[in-house]
Amino acid sequence: MPGDAAVIRILTVDDHALLRKGIAALIDAEPDMELVAEAANGREAIAEFKKHQPDITLMDLQMPEMSGIECIIAIRSDFPHARVIVLTTYPGDVQVVRALKAGARAYLLKNQVDAELPEVIRAVHAGQKCIPPEIAAALAEHTAEVGLSAREIDVLRLIAAGNTNKEIGCKLFIAEETVKSHVTNIMAKLQTSDRTHAVTTALKRGIIDL
């Protein structure tokens, strides 16, 4: 139905060609949808969006050069009505919040794409927001928590990279005792018992990535 006003025009953004191919096949099977462009990273996505101005953009979060969230912000700064659906392998509540604040209209895990993507595309095109129940539950579970400060996230990233407190202090130009205080606060806020547990929890929730 190319050229038909009822056709939903779609841009897919993912650095994995195989996933883009699978999404293309899904969209091709839907008579009311048309894949108008693909992009392998955030910079390509911005260029393709400006060129085609699709109705719906399917956006991965973890990509080289520019993250999906940075890309959403960049696109919506020029096209505030852009409708973006995040497709990701990461269900972490912090990632979800960042994506929604950036302007995403839906958040779908990649293992749900085959079963749910066409209906989510139609719903977002109709002006709705879509968040899977398990992700909504994760958001609700952590909604009352105090978030980590920017400095605490810096410390956590360096812990994840294998640095000692002394090494972290040198890299951040703060005293080792201050680092220890940050670590204590991090573990309390994440409700974890040690540094390793804090890192795994932060990775799972999308607070940091490697």
N, C-alpha and C. Protein backbone atom coordinates (compact mmCIF):
# COMPACT_ATOMS: atom_id res chain seq x y z
N MET A 1 0.81 -1.21 0.00
CA MET A 1 0.00 0.00 0.00
C MET A 1 0.86 1.27 0.00
N PRO A 2 2.04 1.27 -0.64
CA PRO A 2 2.84 2.48 -0.65
C PRO A 2 2.06 3.66 -1.20
N GLY A 3 2.25 4.82 -0.57
CA GLY A 3 1.56 6.01 -1.03
C GLY A 3 0.19 6.19 -0.40
N ASP A 4 -0.36 5.15 0.21
CA ASP A 4 -1.65 5.23 0.87
C ASP A 4 -1.48 5.97 2.18
N ALA A 5 -2.38 6.91 2.47
CA ALA A 5 -2.28 7.72 3.67
C ALA A 5 -2.42 6.87 4.93
N ALA A 6 -3.02 5.67 4.81
CA ALA A 6 -3.23 4.82 5.97
C ALA A 6 -1.99 4.04 6.35
N VAL A 7 -1.00 4.01 5.48
CA VAL A 7 0.20 3.24 5.75
C VAL A 7 1.06 3.92 6.82
N ILE A 8 1.50 3.15 7.81
CA ILE A 8 2.37 3.67 8.86
C ILE A 8 3.81 3.53 8.37
N ARG A 9 4.50 4.65 8.24
CA ARG A 9 5.86 4.66 7.71
C ARG A 9 6.86 4.53 8.87
N ILE A 10 7.79 3.57 8.74
CA ILE A 10 8.62 3.18 9.88
C ILE A 10 10.11 3.26 9.56
N LEU A 11 10.87 3.76 10.54
CA LEU A 11 12.34 3.74 10.52
C LEU A 11 12.78 2.80 11.63
N THR A 12 13.69 1.86 11.33
CA THR A 12 14.23 0.97 12.36
C THR A 12 15.71 1.26 12.57
N VAL A 13 16.10 1.35 13.85
CA VAL A 13 17.47 1.72 14.21
C VAL A 13 18.05 0.64 15.14
N ASP A 14 19.06 -0.07 14.67
CA ASP A 14 19.72 -1.10 15.48
C ASP A 14 21.06 -1.42 14.85
N ASP A 15 22.07 -1.65 15.68
CA ASP A 15 23.39 -1.94 15.11
C ASP A 15 23.56 -3.41 14.71
N HIS A 16 22.55 -4.23 14.93
CA HIS A 16 22.60 -5.63 14.52
C HIS A 16 21.77 -5.83 13.24
N ALA A 17 22.45 -6.13 12.15
CA ALA A 17 21.78 -6.28 10.86
C ALA A 17 20.74 -7.39 10.87
N LEU A 18 21.02 -8.46 11.61
CA LEU A 18 20.09 -9.60 11.65
C LEU A 18 18.76 -9.20 12.28
N LEU A 19 18.82 -8.39 13.34
CA LEU A 19 17.58 -7.94 13.96
C LEU A 19 16.82 -7.01 13.03
N ARG A 20 17.54 -6.11 12.35
CA ARG A 20 16.87 -5.22 11.39
C ARG A 20 16.17 -6.03 10.30
N LYS A 21 16.83 -7.11 9.86
CA LYS A 21 16.25 -7.97 8.83
C LYS A 21 14.97 -8.62 9.34
N GLY A 22 14.99 -9.10 10.58
CA GLY A 22 13.82 -9.72 11.17
C GLY A 22 12.66 -8.74 11.31
N ILE A 23 12.97 -7.51 11.73
CA ILE A 23 11.94 -6.48 11.86
C ILE A 23 11.37 -6.13 10.49
N ALA A 24 12.25 -6.04 9.50
CA ALA A 24 11.80 -5.74 8.13
C ALA A 24 10.81 -6.79 7.66
N ALA A 25 11.08 -8.06 7.95
CA ALA A 25 10.18 -9.14 7.55
C ALA A 25 8.84 -9.03 8.27
N LEU A 26 8.87 -8.68 9.56
CA LEU A 26 7.63 -8.50 10.31
C LEU A 26 6.78 -7.38 9.73
N ILE A 27 7.43 -6.26 9.46
CA ILE A 27 6.71 -5.10 8.93
C ILE A 27 6.17 -5.38 7.53
N ASP A 28 6.97 -6.08 6.72
CA ASP A 28 6.56 -6.40 5.35
C ASP A 28 5.29 -7.24 5.32
N ALA A 29 5.06 -8.02 6.39
CA ALA A 29 3.88 -8.88 6.45
C ALA A 29 2.61 -8.13 6.86
N GLU A 30 2.77 -6.86 7.26
CA GLU A 30 1.62 -6.06 7.70
C GLU A 30 1.18 -5.12 6.58
N PRO A 31 -0.05 -5.24 6.10
CA PRO A 31 -0.50 -4.43 4.95
C PRO A 31 -0.60 -2.94 5.22
N ASP A 32 -0.66 -2.56 6.50
CA ASP A 32 -0.81 -1.14 6.84
C ASP A 32 0.51 -0.51 7.28
N MET A 33 1.64 -1.21 7.02
CA MET A 33 2.94 -0.69 7.44
C MET A 33 3.95 -0.76 6.31
N GLU A 34 4.92 0.19 6.35
CA GLU A 34 5.97 0.22 5.33
C GLU A 34 7.29 0.64 6.00
N LEU A 35 8.32 -0.15 5.80
CA LEU A 35 9.64 0.21 6.30
C LEU A 35 10.29 1.15 5.29
N VAL A 36 10.48 2.41 5.69
CA VAL A 36 11.00 3.40 4.74
C VAL A 36 12.50 3.60 4.85
N ALA A 37 13.11 3.18 5.99
CA ALA A 37 14.55 3.38 6.14
C ALA A 37 15.07 2.55 7.31
N GLU A 38 16.38 2.28 7.28
CA GLU A 38 17.08 1.60 8.36
C GLU A 38 18.33 2.40 8.73
N ALA A 39 18.78 2.23 9.98
CA ALA A 39 20.01 2.88 10.42
C ALA A 39 20.72 1.95 11.40
N ALA A 40 22.06 1.97 11.36
CA ALA A 40 22.86 1.08 12.20
C ALA A 40 23.40 1.76 13.44
N ASN A 41 23.26 3.09 13.53
CA ASN A 41 23.70 3.81 14.72
C ASN A 41 22.92 5.12 14.84
N GLY A 42 23.17 5.83 15.93
CA GLY A 42 22.40 7.03 16.22
C GLY A 42 22.57 8.13 15.19
N ARG A 43 23.78 8.32 14.71
CA ARG A 43 24.02 9.40 13.74
C ARG A 43 23.31 9.12 12.41
N GLU A 44 23.36 7.85 11.98
CA GLU A 44 22.60 7.47 10.78
C GLU A 44 21.11 7.67 11.01
N ALA A 45 20.66 7.34 12.21
CA ALA A 45 19.23 7.46 12.52
C ALA A 45 18.74 8.90 12.39
N ILE A 46 19.53 9.84 12.90
CA ILE A 46 19.14 11.25 12.80
C ILE A 46 19.05 11.69 11.34
N ALA A 47 20.03 11.27 10.55
CA ALA A 47 20.03 11.63 9.13
C ALA A 47 18.84 11.01 8.41
N GLU A 48 18.56 9.73 8.69
CA GLU A 48 17.44 9.05 8.02
C GLU A 48 16.10 9.63 8.48
N PHE A 49 16.03 10.01 9.76
CA PHE A 49 14.77 10.60 10.24
C PHE A 49 14.50 11.92 9.52
N LYS A 50 15.53 12.75 9.42
CA LYS A 50 15.35 14.04 8.75
C LYS A 50 14.96 13.86 7.28
N LYS A 51 15.52 12.84 6.66
CA LYS A 51 15.24 12.58 5.24
C LYS A 51 13.83 12.06 5.01
N HIS A 52 13.37 11.13 5.88
CA HIS A 52 12.09 10.45 5.63
C HIS A 52 10.96 10.90 6.55
N GLN A 53 11.29 11.45 7.71
CA GLN A 53 10.30 11.87 8.71
C GLN A 53 9.22 10.80 8.88
N PRO A 54 9.61 9.63 9.37
CA PRO A 54 8.67 8.51 9.51
C PRO A 54 7.61 8.76 10.58
N ASP A 55 6.55 7.97 10.52
CA ASP A 55 5.49 8.06 11.54
C ASP A 55 5.96 7.45 12.85
N ILE A 56 6.73 6.35 12.73
CA ILE A 56 7.20 5.61 13.91
C ILE A 56 8.68 5.29 13.73
N THR A 57 9.45 5.46 14.80
CA THR A 57 10.86 5.06 14.80
C THR A 57 11.06 3.97 15.86
N LEU A 58 11.66 2.86 15.44
CA LEU A 58 11.99 1.76 16.35
C LEU A 58 13.45 1.93 16.74
N MET A 59 13.72 2.14 18.02
CA MET A 59 15.05 2.57 18.46
C MET A 59 15.69 1.60 19.47
N ASP A 60 16.88 1.10 19.12
CA ASP A 60 17.69 0.34 20.07
C ASP A 60 18.33 1.34 21.04
N LEU A 61 18.70 0.88 22.24
CA LEU A 61 19.33 1.78 23.21
C LEU A 61 20.84 1.69 23.19
N GLN A 62 21.39 0.49 23.11
CA GLN A 62 22.84 0.29 23.18
C GLN A 62 23.43 0.23 21.78
N MET A 63 24.06 1.34 21.35
CA MET A 63 24.63 1.41 20.01
C MET A 63 25.96 2.14 20.05
N PRO A 64 26.84 1.89 19.09
CA PRO A 64 28.11 2.63 19.03
C PRO A 64 27.89 4.09 18.64
N GLU A 65 28.84 4.93 18.99
CA GLU A 65 28.87 6.36 18.62
C GLU A 65 27.88 7.22 19.39
N MET A 66 26.62 6.80 19.45
CA MET A 66 25.59 7.57 20.13
C MET A 66 24.54 6.62 20.68
N SER A 67 24.19 6.76 21.94
CA SER A 67 23.19 5.86 22.52
C SER A 67 21.80 6.17 21.96
N GLY A 68 20.91 5.21 22.12
CA GLY A 68 19.54 5.41 21.66
C GLY A 68 18.86 6.57 22.36
N ILE A 69 19.13 6.73 23.65
CA ILE A 69 18.51 7.83 24.39
C ILE A 69 19.01 9.18 23.88
N GLU A 70 20.31 9.29 23.63
CA GLU A 70 20.86 10.53 23.06
C GLU A 70 20.24 10.80 21.69
N CYS A 71 20.03 9.73 20.93
CA CYS A 71 19.44 9.87 19.60
C CYS A 71 17.99 10.35 19.68
N ILE A 72 17.23 9.79 20.61
CA ILE A 72 15.84 10.22 20.79
C ILE A 72 15.78 11.71 21.12
N ILE A 73 16.65 12.13 22.04
CA ILE A 73 16.68 13.54 22.44
C ILE A 73 17.01 14.43 21.25
N ALA A 74 18.01 14.01 20.46
CA ALA A 74 18.42 14.80 19.29
C ALA A 74 17.29 14.90 18.26
N ILE A 75 16.63 13.79 17.98
CA ILE A 75 15.54 13.80 17.00
C ILE A 75 14.39 14.67 17.49
N ARG A 76 14.02 14.50 18.74
CA ARG A 76 12.85 15.23 19.25
C ARG A 76 13.13 16.71 19.49
N SER A 77 14.40 17.09 19.53
CA SER A 77 14.70 18.51 19.65
C SER A 77 14.31 19.25 18.37
N ASP A 78 14.42 18.56 17.23
CA ASP A 78 14.02 19.14 15.94
C ASP A 78 12.61 18.74 15.54
N PHE A 79 12.17 17.56 15.98
CA PHE A 79 10.86 17.03 15.61
C PHE A 79 10.14 16.58 16.88
N PRO A 80 9.59 17.51 17.65
CA PRO A 80 9.02 17.19 18.97
C PRO A 80 7.85 16.21 18.93
N HIS A 81 7.25 16.03 17.77
CA HIS A 81 6.12 15.11 17.68
C HIS A 81 6.54 13.71 17.22
N ALA A 82 7.85 13.49 17.10
CA ALA A 82 8.35 12.17 16.68
C ALA A 82 7.88 11.10 17.68
N ARG A 83 7.41 9.99 17.14
CA ARG A 83 6.92 8.89 17.97
C ARG A 83 7.93 7.75 17.92
N VAL A 84 8.53 7.47 19.08
CA VAL A 84 9.63 6.51 19.16
C VAL A 84 9.24 5.33 20.05
N ILE A 85 9.50 4.13 19.54
CA ILE A 85 9.33 2.90 20.32
C ILE A 85 10.72 2.35 20.60
N VAL A 86 11.05 2.16 21.86
CA VAL A 86 12.34 1.60 22.22
C VAL A 86 12.26 0.07 22.15
N LEU A 87 13.21 -0.54 21.45
CA LEU A 87 13.36 -1.99 21.43
C LEU A 87 14.69 -2.32 22.08
N THR A 88 14.67 -3.11 23.14
CA THR A 88 15.91 -3.35 23.87
C THR A 88 15.91 -4.71 24.54
N THR A 89 17.10 -5.18 24.88
CA THR A 89 17.24 -6.40 25.67
C THR A 89 17.27 -6.07 27.16
N TYR A 90 17.28 -4.77 27.51
CA TYR A 90 17.47 -4.34 28.90
C TYR A 90 16.17 -3.88 29.54
N PRO A 91 15.66 -4.65 30.53
CA PRO A 91 14.39 -4.27 31.17
C PRO A 91 14.56 -3.34 32.37
N GLY A 92 15.78 -2.87 32.65
CA GLY A 92 16.05 -2.09 33.85
C GLY A 92 15.18 -0.86 33.99
N ASP A 93 14.67 -0.63 35.21
CA ASP A 93 13.73 0.47 35.43
C ASP A 93 14.36 1.84 35.18
N VAL A 94 15.66 2.00 35.47
CA VAL A 94 16.30 3.29 35.28
C VAL A 94 16.41 3.61 33.78
N GLN A 95 16.74 2.59 32.99
CA GLN A 95 16.78 2.78 31.53
C GLN A 95 15.42 3.20 31.02
N VAL A 96 14.37 2.57 31.52
CA VAL A 96 13.00 2.90 31.09
C VAL A 96 12.69 4.36 31.38
N VAL A 97 13.01 4.78 32.60
CA VAL A 97 12.73 6.16 33.00
C VAL A 97 13.48 7.14 32.09
N ARG A 98 14.75 6.85 31.81
CA ARG A 98 15.53 7.72 30.92
C ARG A 98 14.91 7.79 29.54
N ALA A 99 14.50 6.64 29.03
CA ALA A 99 13.91 6.60 27.69
C ALA A 99 12.60 7.38 27.64
N LEU A 100 11.77 7.21 28.66
CA LEU A 100 10.49 7.91 28.68
C LEU A 100 10.69 9.42 28.84
N LYS A 101 11.67 9.80 29.68
CA LYS A 101 11.96 11.24 29.83
C LYS A 101 12.48 11.83 28.53
N ALA A 102 13.20 11.02 27.76
CA ALA A 102 13.72 11.49 26.47
C ALA A 102 12.61 11.65 25.45
N GLY A 103 11.47 11.01 25.70
CA GLY A 103 10.33 11.17 24.80
C GLY A 103 9.83 9.90 24.14
N ALA A 104 10.38 8.74 24.53
CA ALA A 104 9.88 7.48 23.96
C ALA A 104 8.42 7.27 24.33
N ARG A 105 7.66 6.70 23.40
CA ARG A 105 6.23 6.47 23.63
C ARG A 105 5.93 5.04 24.05
N ALA A 106 6.89 4.14 23.83
CA ALA A 106 6.70 2.74 24.19
C ALA A 106 8.05 2.10 24.43
N TYR A 107 8.02 1.00 25.19
CA TYR A 107 9.25 0.31 25.58
C TYR A 107 8.98 -1.17 25.43
N LEU A 108 9.66 -1.83 24.49
CA LEU A 108 9.39 -3.23 24.20
C LEU A 108 10.68 -4.04 24.23
N LEU A 109 10.66 -5.17 24.95
CA LEU A 109 11.83 -6.04 24.99
C LEU A 109 11.94 -6.80 23.67
N LYS A 110 13.17 -7.02 23.24
CA LYS A 110 13.37 -7.66 21.93
C LYS A 110 12.80 -9.06 21.86
N ASN A 111 12.71 -9.76 23.00
CA ASN A 111 12.14 -11.10 22.97
C ASN A 111 10.62 -11.08 22.83
N GLN A 112 10.02 -9.88 22.85
CA GLN A 112 8.57 -9.74 22.66
C GLN A 112 8.21 -9.23 21.27
N VAL A 113 9.23 -8.95 20.46
CA VAL A 113 9.01 -8.29 19.17
C VAL A 113 8.10 -9.10 18.26
N ASP A 114 8.38 -10.40 18.10
CA ASP A 114 7.60 -11.21 17.17
C ASP A 114 6.11 -11.20 17.49
N ALA A 115 5.79 -11.26 18.78
CA ALA A 115 4.39 -11.38 19.18
C ALA A 115 3.67 -10.04 19.29
N GLU A 116 4.41 -8.99 19.65
CA GLU A 116 3.72 -7.76 20.05
C GLU A 116 4.02 -6.52 19.20
N LEU A 117 5.09 -6.53 18.41
CA LEU A 117 5.51 -5.30 17.74
C LEU A 117 4.43 -4.66 16.87
N PRO A 118 3.75 -5.40 15.98
CA PRO A 118 2.75 -4.74 15.11
C PRO A 118 1.67 -3.98 15.89
N GLU A 119 1.18 -4.61 16.97
CA GLU A 119 0.12 -3.95 17.73
C GLU A 119 0.65 -2.74 18.51
N VAL A 120 1.89 -2.83 18.99
CA VAL A 120 2.49 -1.68 19.68
C VAL A 120 2.68 -0.52 18.70
N ILE A 121 3.12 -0.83 17.48
CA ILE A 121 3.27 0.22 16.45
C ILE A 121 1.93 0.90 16.19
N ARG A 122 0.88 0.10 16.04
CA ARG A 122 -0.44 0.68 15.77
C ARG A 122 -0.92 1.53 16.95
N ALA A 123 -0.67 1.05 18.16
CA ALA A 123 -1.12 1.78 19.34
C ALA A 123 -0.40 3.12 19.46
N VAL A 124 0.92 3.12 19.28
CA VAL A 124 1.69 4.37 19.37
C VAL A 124 1.31 5.32 18.24
N HIS A 125 1.08 4.77 17.06
CA HIS A 125 0.65 5.61 15.93
C HIS A 125 -0.70 6.27 16.22
N ALA A 126 -1.53 5.59 17.02
CA ALA A 126 -2.84 6.13 17.38
C ALA A 126 -2.77 7.08 18.58
N GLY A 127 -1.56 7.30 19.09
CA GLY A 127 -1.38 8.27 20.17
C GLY A 127 -1.28 7.68 21.56
N GLN A 128 -1.22 6.36 21.66
CA GLN A 128 -1.14 5.72 22.97
C GLN A 128 0.31 5.52 23.40
N LYS A 129 0.50 5.24 24.70
CA LYS A 129 1.79 4.83 25.24
C LYS A 129 1.69 3.36 25.63
N CYS A 130 2.79 2.62 25.46
CA CYS A 130 2.77 1.19 25.75
C CYS A 130 3.98 0.79 26.58
N ILE A 131 3.73 0.25 27.78
CA ILE A 131 4.80 -0.28 28.62
C ILE A 131 4.35 -1.67 29.09
N PRO A 132 5.13 -2.72 28.82
CA PRO A 132 4.75 -4.07 29.23
C PRO A 132 4.54 -4.16 30.74
N PRO A 133 3.63 -5.05 31.20
CA PRO A 133 3.32 -5.16 32.63
C PRO A 133 4.54 -5.40 33.51
N GLU A 134 5.49 -6.25 33.05
CA GLU A 134 6.64 -6.56 33.90
C GLU A 134 7.55 -5.35 34.07
N ILE A 135 7.61 -4.48 33.05
CA ILE A 135 8.41 -3.27 33.16
C ILE A 135 7.69 -2.24 34.04
N ALA A 136 6.38 -2.16 33.89
CA ALA A 136 5.60 -1.26 34.74
C ALA A 136 5.74 -1.67 36.21
N ALA A 137 5.79 -2.98 36.46
CA ALA A 137 5.94 -3.47 37.83
C ALA A 137 7.31 -3.07 38.40
N ALA A 138 8.35 -3.16 37.56
CA ALA A 138 9.70 -2.77 38.01
C ALA A 138 9.74 -1.28 38.32
N LEU A 139 9.07 -0.48 37.51
CA LEU A 139 9.01 0.96 37.77
C LEU A 139 8.31 1.24 39.11
N ALA A 140 7.21 0.55 39.33
CA ALA A 140 6.45 0.76 40.57
C ALA A 140 7.26 0.32 41.79
N GLU A 141 8.03 -0.74 41.63
CA GLU A 141 8.81 -1.28 42.76
C GLU A 141 9.85 -0.28 43.25
N HIS A 142 10.40 0.51 42.34
CA HIS A 142 11.50 1.41 42.72
C HIS A 142 11.10 2.88 42.76
N THR A 143 9.81 3.16 42.59
CA THR A 143 9.39 4.56 42.41
C THR A 143 9.68 5.44 43.62
N ALA A 144 9.69 4.86 44.83
CA ALA A 144 9.89 5.68 46.04
C ALA A 144 11.35 5.78 46.44
N GLU A 145 12.23 5.13 45.73
CA GLU A 145 13.64 5.11 46.12
C GLU A 145 14.34 6.43 45.79
N VAL A 146 15.37 6.71 46.57
CA VAL A 146 16.23 7.86 46.30
C VAL A 146 17.27 7.43 45.28
N GLY A 147 17.38 8.16 44.17
CA GLY A 147 18.32 7.79 43.12
C GLY A 147 19.77 8.10 43.50
N LEU A 148 20.69 7.47 42.78
CA LEU A 148 22.10 7.75 42.99
C LEU A 148 22.46 9.12 42.43
N SER A 149 23.38 9.79 43.10
CA SER A 149 23.87 11.08 42.59
C SER A 149 24.82 10.82 41.42
N ALA A 150 25.13 11.88 40.68
CA ALA A 150 26.05 11.76 39.55
C ALA A 150 27.41 11.26 40.02
N ARG A 151 27.88 11.74 41.17
CA ARG A 151 29.17 11.31 41.71
C ARG A 151 29.12 9.84 42.11
N GLU A 152 28.03 9.40 42.72
CA GLU A 152 27.90 8.00 43.09
C GLU A 152 27.89 7.10 41.86
N ILE A 153 27.29 7.55 40.79
CA ILE A 153 27.31 6.77 39.55
C ILE A 153 28.72 6.70 38.98
N ASP A 154 29.46 7.80 39.08
CA ASP A 154 30.87 7.79 38.66
C ASP A 154 31.66 6.74 39.44
N VAL A 155 31.46 6.74 40.75
CA VAL A 155 32.15 5.78 41.62
C VAL A 155 31.75 4.35 41.25
N LEU A 156 30.47 4.14 41.01
CA LEU A 156 29.97 2.80 40.69
C LEU A 156 30.56 2.29 39.37
N ARG A 157 30.67 3.18 38.40
CA ARG A 157 31.27 2.79 37.11
C ARG A 157 32.72 2.35 37.30
N LEU A 158 33.44 3.07 38.15
CA LEU A 158 34.85 2.73 38.40
C LEU A 158 34.98 1.43 39.21
N ILE A 159 34.03 1.19 40.10
CA ILE A 159 34.01 -0.10 40.81
C ILE A 159 33.80 -1.22 39.79
N ALA A 160 32.85 -1.01 38.88
CA ALA A 160 32.55 -2.03 37.86
C ALA A 160 33.75 -2.31 36.98
N ALA A 161 34.61 -1.30 36.80
CA ALA A 161 35.80 -1.46 35.98
C ALA A 161 36.95 -2.11 36.76
N GLY A 162 36.72 -2.44 38.04
CA GLY A 162 37.71 -3.17 38.81
C GLY A 162 38.65 -2.32 39.64
N ASN A 163 38.33 -1.04 39.83
CA ASN A 163 39.20 -0.15 40.60
C ASN A 163 39.00 -0.31 42.11
N THR A 164 40.09 -0.15 42.86
CA THR A 164 40.01 -0.11 44.32
C THR A 164 39.55 1.29 44.76
N ASN A 165 39.22 1.42 46.03
CA ASN A 165 38.82 2.74 46.56
C ASN A 165 39.93 3.77 46.35
N LYS A 166 41.18 3.34 46.60
CA LYS A 166 42.30 4.26 46.42
C LYS A 166 42.42 4.71 44.97
N GLU A 167 42.28 3.78 44.03
CA GLU A 167 42.37 4.11 42.60
C GLU A 167 41.22 5.03 42.18
N ILE A 168 40.04 4.76 42.73
CA ILE A 168 38.89 5.61 42.42
C ILE A 168 39.13 7.03 42.92
N GLY A 169 39.67 7.15 44.12
CA GLY A 169 39.97 8.46 44.68
C GLY A 169 40.93 9.24 43.81
N CYS A 170 41.97 8.56 43.32
CA CYS A 170 42.96 9.22 42.45
C CYS A 170 42.32 9.69 41.15
N LYS A 171 41.46 8.85 40.58
CA LYS A 171 40.85 9.19 39.28
C LYS A 171 39.81 10.30 39.40
N LEU A 172 39.15 10.37 40.55
CA LEU A 172 38.11 11.39 40.73
C LEU A 172 38.61 12.59 41.54
N PHE A 173 39.90 12.53 41.96
CA PHE A 173 40.51 13.61 42.74
C PHE A 173 39.76 13.88 44.05
N ILE A 174 39.42 12.77 44.74
CA ILE A 174 38.77 12.88 46.04
C ILE A 174 39.49 11.94 47.01
N ALA A 175 39.30 12.17 48.29
CA ALA A 175 39.97 11.36 49.32
C ALA A 175 39.41 9.94 49.33
N GLU A 176 40.25 9.00 49.73
CA GLU A 176 39.82 7.59 49.80
C GLU A 176 38.65 7.44 50.78
N GLU A 177 38.67 8.20 51.87
CA GLU A 177 37.56 8.14 52.84
C GLU A 177 36.25 8.61 52.21
N THR A 178 36.35 9.60 51.33
CA THR A 178 35.15 10.08 50.62
C THR A 178 34.61 9.00 49.70
N VAL A 179 35.52 8.27 49.05
CA VAL A 179 35.10 7.15 48.19
C VAL A 179 34.37 6.11 49.03
N LYS A 180 34.93 5.78 50.19
CA LYS A 180 34.30 4.78 51.06
C LYS A 180 32.89 5.22 51.46
N SER A 181 32.74 6.52 51.72
CA SER A 181 31.42 7.06 52.07
C SER A 181 30.45 6.90 50.91
N HIS A 182 30.93 7.20 49.70
CA HIS A 182 30.08 7.03 48.51
C HIS A 182 29.66 5.58 48.34
N VAL A 183 30.61 4.66 48.53
CA VAL A 183 30.31 3.23 48.39
C VAL A 183 29.25 2.79 49.39
N THR A 184 29.37 3.26 50.62
CA THR A 184 28.38 2.95 51.65
C THR A 184 27.00 3.45 51.24
N ASN A 185 26.94 4.68 50.73
CA ASN A 185 25.66 5.26 50.30
C ASN A 185 25.08 4.48 49.10
N ILE A 186 25.95 4.11 48.17
CA ILE A 186 25.51 3.35 46.99
C ILE A 186 24.86 2.04 47.42
N MET A 187 25.53 1.30 48.31
CA MET A 187 25.01 0.01 48.74
C MET A 187 23.68 0.17 49.51
N ALA A 188 23.58 1.25 50.29
CA ALA A 188 22.34 1.50 51.04
C ALA A 188 21.19 1.81 50.08
N LYS A 189 21.45 2.68 49.10
CA LYS A 189 20.39 3.07 48.16
C LYS A 189 19.95 1.91 47.28
N LEU A 190 20.90 1.06 46.89
CA LEU A 190 20.56 -0.08 46.03
C LEU A 190 20.15 -1.31 46.83
N GLN A 191 20.22 -1.19 48.16
CA GLN A 191 19.86 -2.29 49.06
C GLN A 191 20.67 -3.54 48.74
N THR A 192 21.98 -3.34 48.65
CA THR A 192 22.89 -4.44 48.34
C THR A 192 23.89 -4.61 49.50
N SER A 193 24.51 -5.79 49.56
CA SER A 193 25.35 -6.13 50.70
C SER A 193 26.84 -5.93 50.47
N ASP A 194 27.24 -5.84 49.20
CA ASP A 194 28.66 -5.64 48.91
C ASP A 194 28.83 -4.96 47.55
N ARG A 195 30.08 -4.67 47.20
CA ARG A 195 30.38 -3.94 45.97
C ARG A 195 29.93 -4.71 44.73
N THR A 196 30.22 -6.01 44.71
CA THR A 196 29.87 -6.82 43.54
C THR A 196 28.36 -6.85 43.33
N HIS A 197 27.61 -7.02 44.41
CA HIS A 197 26.15 -7.02 44.34
C HIS A 197 25.64 -5.66 43.86
N ALA A 198 26.28 -4.59 44.31
CA ALA A 198 25.89 -3.25 43.87
C ALA A 198 26.07 -3.10 42.36
N VAL A 199 27.18 -3.60 41.84
CA VAL A 199 27.44 -3.51 40.40
C VAL A 199 26.43 -4.32 39.60
N THR A 200 26.18 -5.57 40.02
CA THR A 200 25.24 -6.41 39.27
C THR A 200 23.83 -5.83 39.31
N THR A 201 23.45 -5.27 40.45
CA THR A 201 22.13 -4.64 40.56
C THR A 201 22.03 -3.42 39.65
N ALA A 202 23.09 -2.61 39.65
CA ALA A 202 23.10 -1.40 38.82
C ALA A 202 23.05 -1.74 37.33
N LEU A 203 23.74 -2.81 36.94
CA LEU A 203 23.70 -3.24 35.54
C LEU A 203 22.31 -3.73 35.16
N LYS A 204 21.71 -4.52 36.03
CA LYS A 204 20.38 -5.07 35.77
C LYS A 204 19.33 -3.97 35.63
N ARG A 205 19.46 -2.93 36.47
CA ARG A 205 18.47 -1.84 36.45
C ARG A 205 18.78 -0.77 35.41
N GLY A 206 19.93 -0.88 34.77
CA GLY A 206 20.26 0.11 33.75
C GLY A 206 20.85 1.40 34.29
N ILE A 207 21.31 1.39 35.55
CA ILE A 207 21.92 2.58 36.13
C ILE A 207 23.28 2.83 35.48
N ILE A 208 24.02 1.75 35.22
CA ILE A 208 25.27 1.83 34.49
C ILE A 208 25.26 0.75 33.41
N ASP A 209 26.18 0.86 32.46
CA ASP A 209 26.37 -0.21 31.48
C ASP A 209 27.86 -0.36 31.23
N LEU A 210 28.24 -1.49 30.69
CA LEU A 210 29.65 -1.76 30.44
C LEU A 210 29.94 -1.71 28.95
